[in-house]
Amino acid sequence: MKLRRDIFQAISDPTRRAILVLLTSQTMTAGSIAEKFDAARPTISKHIQILNECDLVEANQKGREIYYELKVEKMKEIDMWLAQFRAIWENRFNQLDNVLETLKKDNDEK
């Protein structure tokens, strides 16, 4: 049985997040991804492997090269999970705005 890695653990690493950002605009080989970092190529390959195991990227072989691309649907799953927290914070900020507006009105009346 192959265990899948947790996607949130995968995106917790800044290098892996940077790789995901690179892949938002184009498909890239591991070598072209590694060129963007100061880390050794095997280190970047390990990061790509983790992203692949989490289904955040997809590997497609074209000739002798393997190209990696972002799996947008999986990223949408992350966004949906985060949306619940975004809604909570937006509600809290709206409540804070209301409190501040009330304080401002009270202060203006004095």
C-alpha atoms as a PDB file:
ATOM      1  CA  MET A   1       0.000   0.000   0.000  1.00  0.00           C
ATOM      2  CA  LYS A   2       1.438   3.356  -1.061  1.00  0.00           C
ATOM      3  CA  LEU A   3       0.919   6.112   1.473  1.00  0.00           C
ATOM      4  CA  ARG A   4       0.144   9.570   0.112  1.00  0.00           C
ATOM      5  CA  ARG A   5       1.762  12.567   1.677  1.00  0.00           C
ATOM      6  CA  ASP A   6      -0.358  15.326   3.179  1.00  0.00           C
ATOM      7  CA  ILE A   7      -0.736  18.262   0.790  1.00  0.00           C
ATOM      8  CA  PHE A   8      -0.532  20.779   3.611  1.00  0.00           C
ATOM      9  CA  GLN A   9       2.753  19.317   4.757  1.00  0.00           C
ATOM     10  CA  ALA A  10       3.940  19.583   1.161  1.00  0.00           C
ATOM     11  CA  ILE A  11       3.045  23.250   0.800  1.00  0.00           C
ATOM     12  CA  SER A  12       4.502  24.117   4.207  1.00  0.00           C
ATOM     13  CA  ASP A  13       7.985  24.099   2.663  1.00  0.00           C
ATOM     14  CA  PRO A  14       9.003  27.414   1.020  1.00  0.00           C
ATOM     15  CA  THR A  15      10.974  25.692  -1.742  1.00  0.00           C
ATOM     16  CA  ARG A  16       7.995  23.568  -2.717  1.00  0.00           C
ATOM     17  CA  ARG A  17       5.748  26.641  -2.702  1.00  0.00           C
ATOM     18  CA  ALA A  18       8.265  28.392  -4.970  1.00  0.00           C
ATOM     19  CA  ILE A  19       8.223  25.404  -7.328  1.00  0.00           C
ATOM     20  CA  LEU A  20       4.434  25.588  -7.477  1.00  0.00           C
ATOM     21  CA  VAL A  21       4.647  29.282  -8.324  1.00  0.00           C
ATOM     22  CA  LEU A  22       7.110  28.524 -11.132  1.00  0.00           C
ATOM     23  CA  LEU A  23       4.733  25.947 -12.552  1.00  0.00           C
ATOM     24  CA  THR A  24       1.782  28.356 -12.620  1.00  0.00           C
ATOM     25  CA  SER A  25       3.049  29.887 -15.846  1.00  0.00           C
ATOM     26  CA  GLN A  26       4.550  26.928 -17.722  1.00  0.00           C
ATOM     27  CA  THR A  27       5.477  23.271 -17.654  1.00  0.00           C
ATOM     28  CA  MET A  28       9.122  22.702 -16.791  1.00  0.00           C
ATOM     29  CA  THR A  29      11.670  19.903 -16.554  1.00  0.00           C
ATOM     30  CA  ALA A  30      13.310  19.104 -13.227  1.00  0.00           C
ATOM     31  CA  GLY A  31      16.544  20.563 -14.580  1.00  0.00           C
ATOM     32  CA  SER A  32      14.947  23.878 -15.549  1.00  0.00           C
ATOM     33  CA  ILE A  33      13.244  24.057 -12.151  1.00  0.00           C
ATOM     34  CA  ALA A  34      16.524  23.287 -10.357  1.00  0.00           C
ATOM     35  CA  GLU A  35      18.274  26.118 -12.245  1.00  0.00           C
ATOM     36  CA  LYS A  36      16.046  28.599 -10.407  1.00  0.00           C
ATOM     37  CA  PHE A  37      17.349  27.533  -6.977  1.00  0.00           C
ATOM     38  CA  ASP A  38      20.677  27.500  -5.151  1.00  0.00           C
ATOM     39  CA  ALA A  39      20.001  23.968  -3.890  1.00  0.00           C
ATOM     40  CA  ALA A  40      21.499  20.823  -5.422  1.00  0.00           C
ATOM     41  CA  ARG A  41      19.498  19.203  -8.201  1.00  0.00           C
ATOM     42  CA  PRO A  42      18.793  16.016  -6.166  1.00  0.00           C
ATOM     43  CA  THR A  43      17.306  18.216  -3.421  1.00  0.00           C
ATOM     44  CA  ILE A  44      14.983  19.905  -5.904  1.00  0.00           C
ATOM     45  CA  SER A  45      14.108  16.518  -7.400  1.00  0.00           C
ATOM     46  CA  LYS A  46      13.065  15.331  -3.934  1.00  0.00           C
ATOM     47  CA  HIS A  47      10.836  18.390  -3.539  1.00  0.00           C
ATOM     48  CA  ILE A  48       9.271  17.692  -6.938  1.00  0.00           C
ATOM     49  CA  GLN A  49       8.748  14.046  -5.939  1.00  0.00           C
ATOM     50  CA  ILE A  50       6.883  15.125  -2.803  1.00  0.00           C
ATOM     51  CA  LEU A  51       4.680  17.494  -4.818  1.00  0.00           C
ATOM     52  CA  ASN A  52       4.019  14.690  -7.295  1.00  0.00           C
ATOM     53  CA  GLU A  53       3.120  12.235  -4.514  1.00  0.00           C
ATOM     54  CA  CYS A  54       0.609  14.781  -3.203  1.00  0.00           C
ATOM     55  CA  ASP A  55      -0.921  15.153  -6.665  1.00  0.00           C
ATOM     56  CA  LEU A  56      -0.027  18.850  -6.753  1.00  0.00           C
ATOM     57  CA  VAL A  57       2.059  18.378  -9.899  1.00  0.00           C
ATOM     58  CA  GLU A  58       1.848  15.934 -12.761  1.00  0.00           C
ATOM     59  CA  ALA A  59       4.769  14.414 -14.645  1.00  0.00           C
ATOM     60  CA  ASN A  60       4.451  14.004 -18.423  1.00  0.00           C
ATOM     61  CA  GLN A  61       7.185  12.399 -20.462  1.00  0.00           C
ATOM     62  CA  LYS A  62       7.891  14.000 -23.830  1.00  0.00           C
ATOM     63  CA  GLY A  63      10.713  12.216 -25.581  1.00  0.00           C
ATOM     64  CA  ARG A  64      13.592  11.873 -23.151  1.00  0.00           C
ATOM     65  CA  GLU A  65      12.425  14.719 -20.922  1.00  0.00           C
ATOM     66  CA  ILE A  66       9.879  14.683 -18.128  1.00  0.00           C
ATOM     67  CA  TYR A  67       7.866  17.870 -17.851  1.00  0.00           C
ATOM     68  CA  TYR A  68       6.087  18.861 -14.665  1.00  0.00           C
ATOM     69  CA  GLU A  69       2.909  20.861 -14.579  1.00  0.00           C
ATOM     70  CA  LEU A  70       0.697  22.213 -11.850  1.00  0.00           C
ATOM     71  CA  LYS A  71      -2.518  20.307 -11.142  1.00  0.00           C
ATOM     72  CA  VAL A  72      -4.940  23.189 -10.776  1.00  0.00           C
ATOM     73  CA  GLU A  73      -7.794  21.028  -9.474  1.00  0.00           C
ATOM     74  CA  LYS A  74      -5.730  19.954  -6.465  1.00  0.00           C
ATOM     75  CA  MET A  75      -4.837  23.589  -5.781  1.00  0.00           C
ATOM     76  CA  LYS A  76      -8.561  24.369  -5.817  1.00  0.00           C
ATOM     77  CA  GLU A  77      -9.024  21.830  -3.010  1.00  0.00           C
ATOM     78  CA  ILE A  78      -6.530  23.789  -0.918  1.00  0.00           C
ATOM     79  CA  ASP A  79      -8.319  27.033  -1.748  1.00  0.00           C
ATOM     80  CA  MET A  80     -11.685  25.565  -0.739  1.00  0.00           C
ATOM     81  CA  TRP A  81     -10.240  24.468   2.604  1.00  0.00           C
ATOM     82  CA  LEU A  82      -8.743  27.917   3.166  1.00  0.00           C
ATOM     83  CA  ALA A  83     -11.993  29.638   2.158  1.00  0.00           C
ATOM     84  CA  GLN A  84     -13.634  28.691   5.440  1.00  0.00           C
ATOM     85  CA  PHE A  85     -10.917  30.549   7.344  1.00  0.00           C
ATOM     86  CA  ARG A  86     -11.042  33.470   4.927  1.00  0.00           C
ATOM     87  CA  ALA A  87     -14.775  33.810   5.656  1.00  0.00           C
ATOM     88  CA  ILE A  88     -14.159  33.759   9.420  1.00  0.00           C
ATOM     89  CA  TRP A  89     -11.492  36.458   9.184  1.00  0.00           C
ATOM     90  CA  GLU A  90     -13.571  38.628   6.851  1.00  0.00           C
ATOM     91  CA  ASN A  91     -16.441  38.419   9.340  1.00  0.00           C
ATOM     92  CA  ARG A  92     -14.120  39.384  12.201  1.00  0.00           C
ATOM     93  CA  PHE A  93     -12.710  42.329  10.236  1.00  0.00           C
ATOM     94  CA  ASN A  94     -16.246  43.493   9.432  1.00  0.00           C
ATOM     95  CA  GLN A  95     -17.116  43.324  13.121  1.00  0.00           C
ATOM     96  CA  LEU A  96     -13.978  45.314  13.938  1.00  0.00           C
ATOM     97  CA  ASP A  97     -14.916  47.899  11.302  1.00  0.00           C
ATOM     98  CA  ASN A  98     -18.344  48.240  12.943  1.00  0.00           C
ATOM     99  CA  VAL A  99     -16.809  48.718  16.387  1.00  0.00           C
ATOM    100  CA  LEU A 100     -14.349  51.301  15.088  1.00  0.00           C
ATOM    101  CA  GLU A 101     -17.114  53.162  13.231  1.00  0.00           C
ATOM    102  CA  THR A 102     -19.229  53.229  16.417  1.00  0.00           C
ATOM    103  CA  LEU A 103     -16.272  54.551  18.427  1.00  0.00           C
ATOM    104  CA  LYS A 104     -15.607  57.198  15.782  1.00  0.00           C
ATOM    105  CA  LYS A 105     -19.248  58.334  15.822  1.00  0.00           C
ATOM    106  CA  ASP A 106     -19.232  58.450  19.639  1.00  0.00           C
ATOM    107  CA  ASN A 107     -16.011  60.463  19.579  1.00  0.00           C
ATOM    108  CA  ASP A 108     -17.366  62.871  16.919  1.00  0.00           C
ATOM    109  CA  GLU A 109     -20.498  63.525  18.997  1.00  0.00           C
ATOM    110  CA  LYS A 110     -18.444  64.664  21.971  1.00  0.00           C
END
